[in-house]
C-alpha atoms as a PDB file:
ATOM      1  CA  UNK A   1      18.580 -30.528   5.979  1.00  0.00           C
ATOM      2  CA  UNK A   2      20.466 -27.745   7.631  1.00  0.00           C
ATOM      3  CA  UNK A   3      23.615 -26.528   5.986  1.00  0.00           C
ATOM      4  CA  UNK A   4      26.101 -24.094   7.381  1.00  0.00           C
ATOM      5  CA  UNK A   5      27.380 -22.146   4.363  1.00  0.00           C
ATOM      6  CA  UNK A   6      29.983 -20.169   6.275  1.00  0.00           C
ATOM      7  CA  UNK A   7      31.686 -23.186   7.789  1.00  0.00           C
ATOM      8  CA  UNK A   8      31.249 -25.406   4.739  1.00  0.00           C
ATOM      9  CA  UNK A   9      29.811 -28.218   6.880  1.00  0.00           C
ATOM     10  CA  UNK A  10      26.476 -29.770   7.571  1.00  0.00           C
ATOM     11  CA  UNK A  11      24.926 -28.787  10.833  1.00  0.00           C
ATOM     12  CA  UNK A  12      25.430 -31.796  13.049  1.00  0.00           C
ATOM     13  CA  UNK A  13      22.971 -30.616  15.673  1.00  0.00           C
ATOM     14  CA  UNK A  14      20.093 -32.349  13.912  1.00  0.00           C
ATOM     15  CA  UNK A  15      19.835 -36.080  14.732  1.00  0.00           C
ATOM     16  CA  UNK A  16      18.247 -36.705  11.316  1.00  0.00           C
ATOM     17  CA  UNK A  17      21.283 -35.549   9.282  1.00  0.00           C
ATOM     18  CA  UNK A  18      24.689 -37.313   9.262  1.00  0.00           C
ATOM     19  CA  UNK A  19      27.725 -35.130   9.906  1.00  0.00           C
ATOM     20  CA  UNK A  20      29.546 -35.072   6.521  1.00  0.00           C
ATOM     21  CA  UNK A  21      32.073 -32.466   5.331  1.00  0.00           C
ATOM     22  CA  UNK A  22      30.654 -30.388   2.497  1.00  0.00           C
ATOM     23  CA  UNK A  23      33.777 -30.769   0.336  1.00  0.00           C
ATOM     24  CA  UNK A  24      33.490 -34.576   0.461  1.00  0.00           C
ATOM     25  CA  UNK A  25      29.928 -34.263  -0.729  1.00  0.00           C
ATOM     26  CA  UNK A  26      30.927 -32.011  -3.599  1.00  0.00           C
ATOM     27  CA  UNK A  27      33.709 -34.390  -4.649  1.00  0.00           C
ATOM     28  CA  UNK A  28      31.374 -37.351  -4.513  1.00  0.00           C
ATOM     29  CA  UNK A  29      28.724 -35.516  -6.509  1.00  0.00           C
ATOM     30  CA  UNK A  30      30.834 -33.941  -9.248  1.00  0.00           C
ATOM     31  CA  UNK A  31      33.626 -36.509  -9.869  1.00  0.00           C
ATOM     32  CA  UNK A  32      32.318 -39.668 -11.377  1.00  0.00           C
ATOM     33  CA  UNK A  33      35.669 -41.411 -10.942  1.00  0.00           C
ATOM     34  CA  UNK A  34      35.210 -41.384  -7.169  1.00  0.00           C
ATOM     35  CA  UNK A  35      32.566 -44.075  -7.512  1.00  0.00           C
ATOM     36  CA  UNK A  36      34.506 -47.326  -7.861  1.00  0.00           C
ATOM     37  CA  UNK A  37      33.067 -50.460  -9.246  1.00  0.00           C
ATOM     38  CA  UNK A  38      32.152 -53.020  -6.697  1.00  0.00           C
ATOM     39  CA  UNK A  39      31.200 -50.429  -4.031  1.00  0.00           C
ATOM     40  CA  UNK A  40      27.799 -50.613  -2.481  1.00  0.00           C
ATOM     41  CA  UNK A  41      25.792 -48.138  -4.587  1.00  0.00           C
ATOM     42  CA  UNK A  42      22.021 -48.229  -4.542  1.00  0.00           C
ATOM     43  CA  UNK A  43      20.599 -49.235  -7.882  1.00  0.00           C
ATOM     44  CA  UNK A  44      18.366 -46.253  -8.279  1.00  0.00           C
ATOM     45  CA  UNK A  45      18.044 -44.412 -11.607  1.00  0.00           C
ATOM     46  CA  UNK A  46      19.557 -40.968 -11.634  1.00  0.00           C
ATOM     47  CA  UNK A  47      17.216 -38.045 -11.444  1.00  0.00           C
ATOM     48  CA  UNK A  48      18.198 -36.954 -14.966  1.00  0.00           C
ATOM     49  CA  UNK A  49      16.951 -40.287 -16.266  1.00  0.00           C
ATOM     50  CA  UNK A  50      13.633 -39.812 -14.532  1.00  0.00           C
ATOM     51  CA  UNK A  51      12.934 -36.428 -16.142  1.00  0.00           C
ATOM     52  CA  UNK A  52      10.321 -36.323 -18.841  1.00  0.00           C
ATOM     53  CA  UNK A  53      11.301 -35.422 -22.395  1.00  0.00           C
ATOM     54  CA  UNK A  54       9.270 -32.217 -22.077  1.00  0.00           C
ATOM     55  CA  UNK A  55      11.353 -31.104 -19.078  1.00  0.00           C
ATOM     56  CA  UNK A  56      14.555 -31.803 -21.027  1.00  0.00           C
ATOM     57  CA  UNK A  57      13.295 -29.703 -23.906  1.00  0.00           C
ATOM     58  CA  UNK A  58      12.398 -26.835 -21.579  1.00  0.00           C
ATOM     59  CA  UNK A  59      15.800 -26.929 -19.942  1.00  0.00           C
ATOM     60  CA  UNK A  60      17.430 -27.050 -23.353  1.00  0.00           C
ATOM     61  CA  UNK A  61      19.770 -29.810 -22.219  1.00  0.00           C
ATOM     62  CA  UNK A  62      19.715 -33.568 -22.156  1.00  0.00           C
ATOM     63  CA  UNK A  63      21.041 -35.922 -19.563  1.00  0.00           C
ATOM     64  CA  UNK A  64      24.160 -36.408 -21.636  1.00  0.00           C
ATOM     65  CA  UNK A  65      25.160 -32.776 -21.036  1.00  0.00           C
ATOM     66  CA  UNK A  66      25.978 -33.593 -17.433  1.00  0.00           C
ATOM     67  CA  UNK A  67      27.394 -37.075 -17.863  1.00  0.00           C
ATOM     68  CA  UNK A  68      26.485 -39.988 -15.668  1.00  0.00           C
ATOM     69  CA  UNK A  69      25.652 -38.636 -12.214  1.00  0.00           C
ATOM     70  CA  UNK A  70      25.503 -41.228  -9.438  1.00  0.00           C
ATOM     71  CA  UNK A  71      22.200 -41.663  -7.717  1.00  0.00           C
ATOM     72  CA  UNK A  72      23.717 -41.726  -4.216  1.00  0.00           C
ATOM     73  CA  UNK A  73      26.742 -40.246  -2.530  1.00  0.00           C
ATOM     74  CA  UNK A  74      29.658 -42.670  -1.918  1.00  0.00           C
ATOM     75  CA  UNK A  75      33.013 -41.190  -1.515  1.00  0.00           C
ATOM     76  CA  UNK A  76      35.648 -41.297   1.318  1.00  0.00           C
ATOM     77  CA  UNK A  77      35.752 -43.735   4.132  1.00  0.00           C
ATOM     78  CA  UNK A  78      34.263 -41.186   6.501  1.00  0.00           C
ATOM     79  CA  UNK A  79      30.995 -41.234   4.557  1.00  0.00           C
ATOM     80  CA  UNK A  80      28.151 -42.842   6.459  1.00  0.00           C
ATOM     81  CA  UNK A  81      24.968 -44.175   5.028  1.00  0.00           C
ATOM     82  CA  UNK A  82      22.055 -41.765   5.687  1.00  0.00           C
ATOM     83  CA  UNK A  83      19.730 -43.061   8.334  1.00  0.00           C
ATOM     84  CA  UNK A  84      16.617 -41.602   6.700  1.00  0.00           C
ATOM     85  CA  UNK A  85      14.805 -44.268   4.666  1.00  0.00           C
ATOM     86  CA  UNK A  86      13.682 -43.348   1.203  1.00  0.00           C
ATOM     87  CA  UNK A  87      16.037 -40.359   0.799  1.00  0.00           C
ATOM     88  CA  UNK A  88      18.665 -42.106  -1.308  1.00  0.00           C
ATOM     89  CA  UNK A  89      18.619 -41.110  -4.957  1.00  0.00           C
ATOM     90  CA  UNK A  90      16.392 -38.123  -4.208  1.00  0.00           C
ATOM     91  CA  UNK A  91      15.726 -35.866  -7.182  1.00  0.00           C
ATOM     92  CA  UNK A  92      14.772 -32.155  -7.005  1.00  0.00           C
ATOM     93  CA  UNK A  93      11.220 -32.854  -8.096  1.00  0.00           C
ATOM     94  CA  UNK A  94      10.626 -34.908  -4.958  1.00  0.00           C
ATOM     95  CA  UNK A  95      11.661 -32.061  -2.653  1.00  0.00           C
ATOM     96  CA  UNK A  96       8.227 -30.511  -2.966  1.00  0.00           C
ATOM     97  CA  UNK A  97       6.659 -33.695  -1.609  1.00  0.00           C
ATOM     98  CA  UNK A  98       9.197 -34.297   1.138  1.00  0.00           C
ATOM     99  CA  UNK A  99       7.884 -33.065   4.529  1.00  0.00           C
ATOM    100  CA  UNK A 100      11.406 -32.325   5.780  1.00  0.00           C
ATOM    101  CA  UNK A 101      12.901 -30.704   2.697  1.00  0.00           C
ATOM    102  CA  UNK A 102       9.869 -28.847   1.369  1.00  0.00           C
ATOM    103  CA  UNK A 103       9.528 -25.142   2.261  1.00  0.00           C
ATOM    104  CA  UNK A 104       6.687 -24.209   4.628  1.00  0.00           C
ATOM    105  CA  UNK A 105       3.411 -23.597   2.869  1.00  0.00           C
ATOM    106  CA  UNK A 106       0.755 -21.106   4.034  1.00  0.00           C
ATOM    107  CA  UNK A 107      -1.994 -22.728   6.059  1.00  0.00           C
ATOM    108  CA  UNK A 108      -5.559 -21.788   6.869  1.00  0.00           C
ATOM    109  CA  UNK A 109      -4.531 -20.387  10.243  1.00  0.00           C
ATOM    110  CA  UNK A 110      -2.182 -17.865   8.639  1.00  0.00           C
ATOM    111  CA  UNK A 111      -3.866 -15.161  10.711  1.00  0.00           C
ATOM    112  CA  UNK A 112      -2.924 -16.941  13.939  1.00  0.00           C
ATOM    113  CA  UNK A 113       0.518 -16.546  15.432  1.00  0.00           C
ATOM    114  CA  UNK A 114       2.068 -19.000  17.860  1.00  0.00           C
ATOM    115  CA  UNK A 115       3.625 -17.828  21.084  1.00  0.00           C
ATOM    116  CA  UNK A 116       6.619 -19.271  22.919  1.00  0.00           C
ATOM    117  CA  UNK A 117       4.391 -21.929  24.475  1.00  0.00           C
ATOM    118  CA  UNK A 118       3.382 -23.221  21.039  1.00  0.00           C
ATOM    119  CA  UNK A 119      -0.273 -22.382  21.568  1.00  0.00           C
ATOM    120  CA  UNK A 120      -1.990 -20.329  18.849  1.00  0.00           C
ATOM    121  CA  UNK A 121      -1.975 -16.591  19.434  1.00  0.00           C
ATOM    122  CA  UNK A 122      -4.470 -14.615  17.357  1.00  0.00           C
ATOM    123  CA  UNK A 123      -3.312 -11.542  15.487  1.00  0.00           C
ATOM    124  CA  UNK A 124      -5.889  -8.749  16.059  1.00  0.00           C
ATOM    125  CA  UNK A 125      -4.862  -7.120  12.772  1.00  0.00           C
ATOM    126  CA  UNK A 126      -5.438 -10.177  10.599  1.00  0.00           C
ATOM    127  CA  UNK A 127      -8.380 -10.101   8.257  1.00  0.00           C
ATOM    128  CA  UNK A 128      -9.771 -13.396   9.520  1.00  0.00           C
ATOM    129  CA  UNK A 129      -9.873 -12.332  13.163  1.00  0.00           C
ATOM    130  CA  UNK A 130     -11.322  -8.968  12.197  1.00  0.00           C
ATOM    131  CA  UNK A 131     -14.208 -10.592  10.304  1.00  0.00           C
ATOM    132  CA  UNK A 132     -14.889 -12.881  13.232  1.00  0.00           C
ATOM    133  CA  UNK A 133     -15.101  -9.933  15.638  1.00  0.00           C
ATOM    134  CA  UNK A 134     -17.449  -8.048  13.337  1.00  0.00           C
ATOM    135  CA  UNK A 135     -19.654 -11.115  12.895  1.00  0.00           C
ATOM    136  CA  UNK A 136     -19.768 -11.549  16.670  1.00  0.00           C
ATOM    137  CA  UNK A 137     -21.367  -8.104  17.072  1.00  0.00           C
ATOM    138  CA  UNK A 138     -24.314  -9.127  14.912  1.00  0.00           C
ATOM    139  CA  UNK A 139     -24.441 -12.774  15.968  1.00  0.00           C
ATOM    140  CA  UNK A 140     -24.494 -12.438  19.748  1.00  0.00           C
ATOM    141  CA  UNK A 141     -27.635 -11.598  21.634  1.00  0.00           C
ATOM    142  CA  UNK A 142     -27.641  -7.894  22.527  1.00  0.00           C
ATOM    143  CA  UNK A 143     -29.627  -6.126  25.209  1.00  0.00           C
ATOM    144  CA  UNK A 144     -30.365  -2.392  25.408  1.00  0.00           C
ATOM    145  CA  UNK A 145     -27.798  -0.586  27.515  1.00  0.00           C
ATOM    146  CA  UNK A 146     -29.145   0.749  30.811  1.00  0.00           C
ATOM    147  CA  UNK A 147     -27.893   4.318  30.963  1.00  0.00           C
ATOM    148  CA  UNK A 148     -29.979   5.188  34.025  1.00  0.00           C
ATOM    149  CA  UNK A 149     -27.718   3.122  36.270  1.00  0.00           C
ATOM    150  CA  UNK A 150     -24.722   5.188  35.145  1.00  0.00           C
ATOM    151  CA  UNK A 151     -26.318   8.422  36.370  1.00  0.00           C
ATOM    152  CA  UNK A 152     -27.085   6.844  39.740  1.00  0.00           C
ATOM    153  CA  UNK A 153     -23.426   5.823  40.065  1.00  0.00           C
ATOM    154  CA  UNK A 154     -22.357   9.366  39.179  1.00  0.00           C
ATOM    155  CA  UNK A 155     -24.502  10.996  41.864  1.00  0.00           C
ATOM    156  CA  UNK A 156     -23.425   8.432  44.447  1.00  0.00           C
ATOM    157  CA  UNK A 157     -19.755   9.030  43.617  1.00  0.00           C
ATOM    158  CA  UNK A 158     -20.167  12.826  43.748  1.00  0.00           C
ATOM    159  CA  UNK A 159     -22.006  12.673  47.062  1.00  0.00           C
ATOM    160  CA  UNK A 160     -19.196  10.643  48.656  1.00  0.00           C
ATOM    161  CA  UNK A 161     -16.285  12.642  47.215  1.00  0.00           C
ATOM    162  CA  UNK A 162     -17.459  16.241  46.832  1.00  0.00           C
ATOM    163  CA  UNK A 163     -19.098  18.947  48.860  1.00  0.00           C
ATOM    164  CA  UNK A 164     -22.777  19.704  48.579  1.00  0.00           C
ATOM    165  CA  UNK A 165     -22.154  22.758  46.415  1.00  0.00           C
ATOM    166  CA  UNK A 166     -20.109  20.700  43.982  1.00  0.00           C
ATOM    167  CA  UNK A 167     -22.813  18.040  43.794  1.00  0.00           C
ATOM    168  CA  UNK A 168     -25.341  20.736  42.916  1.00  0.00           C
ATOM    169  CA  UNK A 169     -23.141  21.891  40.029  1.00  0.00           C
ATOM    170  CA  UNK A 170     -23.295  18.399  38.562  1.00  0.00           C
ATOM    171  CA  UNK A 171     -27.058  18.142  39.117  1.00  0.00           C
ATOM    172  CA  UNK A 172     -27.638  21.460  37.358  1.00  0.00           C
ATOM    173  CA  UNK A 173     -25.511  20.327  34.431  1.00  0.00           C
ATOM    174  CA  UNK A 174     -27.560  17.129  34.090  1.00  0.00           C
ATOM    175  CA  UNK A 175     -30.782  19.137  34.262  1.00  0.00           C
ATOM    176  CA  UNK A 176     -29.737  21.143  31.198  1.00  0.00           C
ATOM    177  CA  UNK A 177     -29.706  18.298  28.679  1.00  0.00           C
ATOM    178  CA  UNK A 178     -31.536  15.367  30.261  1.00  0.00           C
ATOM    179  CA  UNK A 179     -35.057  16.637  29.408  1.00  0.00           C
ATOM    180  CA  UNK A 180     -34.140  16.796  25.710  1.00  0.00           C
ATOM    181  CA  UNK A 181     -32.469  13.412  25.971  1.00  0.00           C
ATOM    182  CA  UNK A 182     -35.517  11.793  27.551  1.00  0.00           C
ATOM    183  CA  UNK A 183     -37.844  13.370  24.982  1.00  0.00           C
ATOM    184  CA  UNK A 184     -35.854  11.863  22.113  1.00  0.00           C
ATOM    185  CA  UNK A 185     -35.709   8.467  23.803  1.00  0.00           C
ATOM    186  CA  UNK A 186     -39.452   8.159  24.421  1.00  0.00           C
ATOM    187  CA  UNK A 187     -40.434   7.137  20.850  1.00  0.00           C
ATOM    188  CA  UNK A 188     -37.712   4.453  20.668  1.00  0.00           C
ATOM    189  CA  UNK A 189     -38.775   0.843  20.938  1.00  0.00           C
ATOM    190  CA  UNK A 190     -36.730  -1.944  22.474  1.00  0.00           C
ATOM    191  CA  UNK A 191     -35.635  -3.036  18.985  1.00  0.00           C
ATOM    192  CA  UNK A 192     -34.418   0.504  18.343  1.00  0.00           C
ATOM    193  CA  UNK A 193     -32.369   0.468  21.536  1.00  0.00           C
ATOM    194  CA  UNK A 194     -30.873  -2.907  20.573  1.00  0.00           C
ATOM    195  CA  UNK A 195     -29.985  -1.463  17.186  1.00  0.00           C
ATOM    196  CA  UNK A 196     -28.315   1.534  18.875  1.00  0.00           C
ATOM    197  CA  UNK A 197     -26.253  -0.735  21.121  1.00  0.00           C
ATOM    198  CA  UNK A 198     -25.105  -2.891  18.210  1.00  0.00           C
ATOM    199  CA  UNK A 199     -24.186   0.201  16.248  1.00  0.00           C
ATOM    200  CA  UNK A 200     -22.144   1.401  19.210  1.00  0.00           C
ATOM    201  CA  UNK A 201     -20.272  -1.902  19.536  1.00  0.00           C
ATOM    202  CA  UNK A 202     -19.560  -1.922  15.805  1.00  0.00           C
ATOM    203  CA  UNK A 203     -18.276   1.665  15.968  1.00  0.00           C
ATOM    204  CA  UNK A 204     -15.988   0.765  18.859  1.00  0.00           C
ATOM    205  CA  UNK A 205     -14.263  -1.787  16.627  1.00  0.00           C
ATOM    206  CA  UNK A 206     -13.524   0.921  14.073  1.00  0.00           C
ATOM    207  CA  UNK A 207     -12.224   3.292  16.734  1.00  0.00           C
ATOM    208  CA  UNK A 208     -10.042   0.527  18.131  1.00  0.00           C
ATOM    209  CA  UNK A 209      -8.335   0.188  14.764  1.00  0.00           C
ATOM    210  CA  UNK A 210      -8.015   3.957  14.406  1.00  0.00           C
ATOM    211  CA  UNK A 211      -6.563   4.478  17.881  1.00  0.00           C
ATOM    212  CA  UNK A 212      -3.976   1.750  17.315  1.00  0.00           C
ATOM    213  CA  UNK A 213      -2.577   3.855  14.449  1.00  0.00           C
ATOM    214  CA  UNK A 214      -2.472   7.054  16.492  1.00  0.00           C
ATOM    215  CA  UNK A 215       0.143   8.024  19.025  1.00  0.00           C
ATOM    216  CA  UNK A 216      -2.190  10.293  21.020  1.00  0.00           C
ATOM    217  CA  UNK A 217      -3.508   9.126  24.419  1.00  0.00           C
ATOM    218  CA  UNK A 218      -7.168   8.446  23.670  1.00  0.00           C
ATOM    219  CA  UNK A 219     -10.163   7.184  25.613  1.00  0.00           C
ATOM    220  CA  UNK A 220     -13.730   6.516  24.437  1.00  0.00           C
ATOM    221  CA  UNK A 221     -16.601   6.526  26.923  1.00  0.00           C
ATOM    222  CA  UNK A 222     -20.394   6.505  26.856  1.00  0.00           C
ATOM    223  CA  UNK A 223     -22.459   9.577  27.675  1.00  0.00           C
ATOM    224  CA  UNK A 224     -22.586   8.346  31.269  1.00  0.00           C
ATOM    225  CA  UNK A 225     -18.736   8.405  31.302  1.00  0.00           C
ATOM    226  CA  UNK A 226     -18.372   4.604  31.380  1.00  0.00           C
ATOM    227  CA  UNK A 227     -15.093   3.785  29.612  1.00  0.00           C
ATOM    228  CA  UNK A 228     -15.480   1.513  26.567  1.00  0.00           C
ATOM    229  CA  UNK A 229     -12.096   1.824  24.834  1.00  0.00           C
ATOM    230  CA  UNK A 230      -8.617   2.800  26.017  1.00  0.00           C
ATOM    231  CA  UNK A 231      -5.531   3.468  23.939  1.00  0.00           C
ATOM    232  CA  UNK A 232      -2.137   2.100  24.928  1.00  0.00           C
ATOM    233  CA  UNK A 233      -0.681   5.619  25.086  1.00  0.00           C
ATOM    234  CA  UNK A 234      -3.228   6.668  27.706  1.00  0.00           C
ATOM    235  CA  UNK A 235      -2.147   3.754  29.903  1.00  0.00           C
ATOM    236  CA  UNK A 236       1.474   4.826  29.499  1.00  0.00           C
ATOM    237  CA  UNK A 237       0.552   8.391  30.432  1.00  0.00           C
ATOM    238  CA  UNK A 238      -1.472   7.600  33.550  1.00  0.00           C
ATOM    239  CA  UNK A 239       0.233   4.299  34.554  1.00  0.00           C
ATOM    240  CA  UNK A 240      -3.179   2.612  34.786  1.00  0.00           C
ATOM    241  CA  UNK A 241      -3.635  -0.726  33.046  1.00  0.00           C
ATOM    242  CA  UNK A 242      -6.472  -1.371  30.615  1.00  0.00           C
ATOM    243  CA  UNK A 243      -7.997  -3.817  33.076  1.00  0.00           C
ATOM    244  CA  UNK A 244      -8.153  -1.053  35.688  1.00  0.00           C
ATOM    245  CA  UNK A 245      -9.768   1.412  33.266  1.00  0.00           C
ATOM    246  CA  UNK A 246     -12.246  -0.667  31.265  1.00  0.00           C
ATOM    247  CA  UNK A 247     -15.744  -0.558  32.699  1.00  0.00           C
ATOM    248  CA  UNK A 248     -14.855   2.258  35.110  1.00  0.00           C
ATOM    249  CA  UNK A 249     -15.842   5.918  34.716  1.00  0.00           C
ATOM    250  CA  UNK A 250     -13.531   8.576  33.334  1.00  0.00           C
ATOM    251  CA  UNK A 251     -14.330  11.013  36.154  1.00  0.00           C
ATOM    252  CA  UNK A 252     -12.812   8.546  38.621  1.00  0.00           C
ATOM    253  CA  UNK A 253      -9.387   9.339  37.129  1.00  0.00           C
ATOM    254  CA  UNK A 254      -9.708  13.149  37.219  1.00  0.00           C
ATOM    255  CA  UNK A 255      -9.502  15.652  40.011  1.00  0.00           C
ATOM    256  CA  UNK A 256     -12.649  17.379  41.275  1.00  0.00           C
ATOM    257  CA  UNK A 257     -12.396  20.609  39.297  1.00  0.00           C
ATOM    258  CA  UNK A 258     -11.817  18.734  36.064  1.00  0.00           C
ATOM    259  CA  UNK A 259     -14.942  16.631  36.641  1.00  0.00           C
ATOM    260  CA  UNK A 260     -17.128  19.642  37.376  1.00  0.00           C
ATOM    261  CA  UNK A 261     -15.876  21.502  34.301  1.00  0.00           C
ATOM    262  CA  UNK A 262     -16.428  18.482  32.096  1.00  0.00           C
ATOM    263  CA  UNK A 263     -20.071  17.973  33.046  1.00  0.00           C
ATOM    264  CA  UNK A 264     -20.877  21.652  32.601  1.00  0.00           C
ATOM    265  CA  UNK A 265     -19.278  21.718  29.144  1.00  0.00           C
ATOM    266  CA  UNK A 266     -20.876  18.421  28.151  1.00  0.00           C
ATOM    267  CA  UNK A 267     -24.331  19.734  29.072  1.00  0.00           C
ATOM    268  CA  UNK A 268     -23.841  22.858  26.950  1.00  0.00           C
ATOM    269  CA  UNK A 269     -22.541  21.013  23.876  1.00  0.00           C
ATOM    270  CA  UNK A 270     -24.455  17.707  24.012  1.00  0.00           C
ATOM    271  CA  UNK A 271     -26.810  18.592  21.144  1.00  0.00           C
ATOM    272  CA  UNK A 272     -24.485  20.781  19.105  1.00  0.00           C
ATOM    273  CA  UNK A 273     -22.654  19.943  15.884  1.00  0.00           C
ATOM    274  CA  UNK A 274     -20.719  16.714  16.416  1.00  0.00           C
ATOM    275  CA  UNK A 275     -17.852  17.889  14.194  1.00  0.00           C
ATOM    276  CA  UNK A 276     -16.886  20.463  16.812  1.00  0.00           C
ATOM    277  CA  UNK A 277     -14.406  19.491  19.526  1.00  0.00           C
ATOM    278  CA  UNK A 278     -14.299  21.118  22.934  1.00  0.00           C
ATOM    279  CA  UNK A 279     -10.788  22.015  24.073  1.00  0.00           C
ATOM    280  CA  UNK A 280      -9.927  22.618  27.703  1.00  0.00           C
ATOM    281  CA  UNK A 281      -7.544  21.565  30.496  1.00  0.00           C
ATOM    282  CA  UNK A 282      -7.793  18.852  33.111  1.00  0.00           C
ATOM    283  CA  UNK A 283      -5.757  16.982  35.706  1.00  0.00           C
ATOM    284  CA  UNK A 284      -5.440  13.220  35.513  1.00  0.00           C
ATOM    285  CA  UNK A 285      -4.609  11.056  38.529  1.00  0.00           C
ATOM    286  CA  UNK A 286      -2.166   8.136  38.621  1.00  0.00           C
ATOM    287  CA  UNK A 287      -2.544   5.048  40.853  1.00  0.00           C
ATOM    288  CA  UNK A 288      -0.182   6.683  43.364  1.00  0.00           C
ATOM    289  CA  UNK A 289      -2.309   9.835  43.455  1.00  0.00           C
ATOM    290  CA  UNK A 290       0.134  11.931  41.440  1.00  0.00           C
ATOM    291  CA  UNK A 291      -1.442  14.703  39.352  1.00  0.00           C
ATOM    292  CA  UNK A 292      -0.752  14.962  35.626  1.00  0.00           C
ATOM    293  CA  UNK A 293      -1.810  18.341  34.154  1.00  0.00           C
ATOM    294  CA  UNK A 294      -3.093  17.887  30.618  1.00  0.00           C
ATOM    295  CA  UNK A 295      -4.636  19.813  27.823  1.00  0.00           C
ATOM    296  CA  UNK A 296      -7.365  17.797  26.186  1.00  0.00           C
ATOM    297  CA  UNK A 297     -10.247  17.911  23.773  1.00  0.00           C
ATOM    298  CA  UNK A 298     -13.365  15.788  23.535  1.00  0.00           C
ATOM    299  CA  UNK A 299     -15.875  15.246  20.754  1.00  0.00           C
ATOM    300  CA  UNK A 300     -19.466  14.153  21.344  1.00  0.00           C
ATOM    301  CA  UNK A 301     -20.625  11.568  18.797  1.00  0.00           C
ATOM    302  CA  UNK A 302     -24.284  10.917  17.964  1.00  0.00           C
ATOM    303  CA  UNK A 303     -26.012   7.560  17.624  1.00  0.00           C
ATOM    304  CA  UNK A 304     -28.298   6.670  14.648  1.00  0.00           C
ATOM    305  CA  UNK A 305     -31.190   8.521  16.319  1.00  0.00           C
ATOM    306  CA  UNK A 306     -29.160  11.720  16.851  1.00  0.00           C
ATOM    307  CA  UNK A 307     -28.763  11.167  20.577  1.00  0.00           C
ATOM    308  CA  UNK A 308     -25.390  11.933  22.195  1.00  0.00           C
ATOM    309  CA  UNK A 309     -24.035   8.406  22.243  1.00  0.00           C
ATOM    310  CA  UNK A 310     -20.385   8.480  23.246  1.00  0.00           C
ATOM    311  CA  UNK A 311     -17.423  10.784  23.702  1.00  0.00           C
ATOM    312  CA  UNK A 312     -13.907  10.573  22.247  1.00  0.00           C
ATOM    313  CA  UNK A 313     -11.277  12.250  24.447  1.00  0.00           C
ATOM    314  CA  UNK A 314      -7.673  13.023  23.475  1.00  0.00           C
ATOM    315  CA  UNK A 315      -5.122  14.015  26.123  1.00  0.00           C
ATOM    316  CA  UNK A 316      -1.698  15.629  25.947  1.00  0.00           C
ATOM    317  CA  UNK A 317       0.391  16.222  29.074  1.00  0.00           C
ATOM    318  CA  UNK A 318       1.555  19.750  29.853  1.00  0.00           C
ATOM    319  CA  UNK A 319       5.311  19.577  30.236  1.00  0.00           C
END
């Protein structure tokens, strides 16, 4: 039942509740003399009479302390009989069982919000959804990631966009670290590569939580520059949506000089200490082609077999 405390009236918007002034209710409830003999009063025992002796002892009062309280409201001529069956003579103990009067109880889908359409909307921060996402990493069938295709896409992109001299700068950078990379990959079995990919997907979940708590524009990409995670702040900075960025390559959103500098620095630091971050400058590109000068740093993270697995990049615009 909805009650408007400020106006002292029941809310008449609900079709289930009769429109009765609150003062009439109070008079009917507190003054026993308002109930005249011969009026149609339901013969239902008062709620004080239904209380157990133990409850009366706990309350420290007996039913006689309150006098005879009528089991239903009957007072002025404007009173109407409630249309809800079974609600006459209701006592407070029955409110917990009443589906209309009882307060909402937590349900099993407490980690699921409901949108304006009424359909369930999952909360990514809830513990239940988080456990389901973690379990999915280990439950789903995982294949080794094909990094070779990423290098082919890089050379094809550079050949179409850059001059021959610029393409050679990228090729030389790849030649610096790829022999060491291939040598470390040779002993790995297919099961090892599956384990590496699962470890990467599990780590991405942790970085997703961490980035959501940070206000710095952040992007995570594989060693082939394929974007795997994008922070909301980076989308605000570059005006690209997450759908436009996910699965693409980070060098597609930089100008030429920034791409060349990145690959040369990555080649020199690929097998260094992973706690060290490389700080430099770059220029990001918006969908309209506008340039955004930024200062940025990136950290190369290793996989379980000490291979350079992915890169975490943080960007700050130069105002």
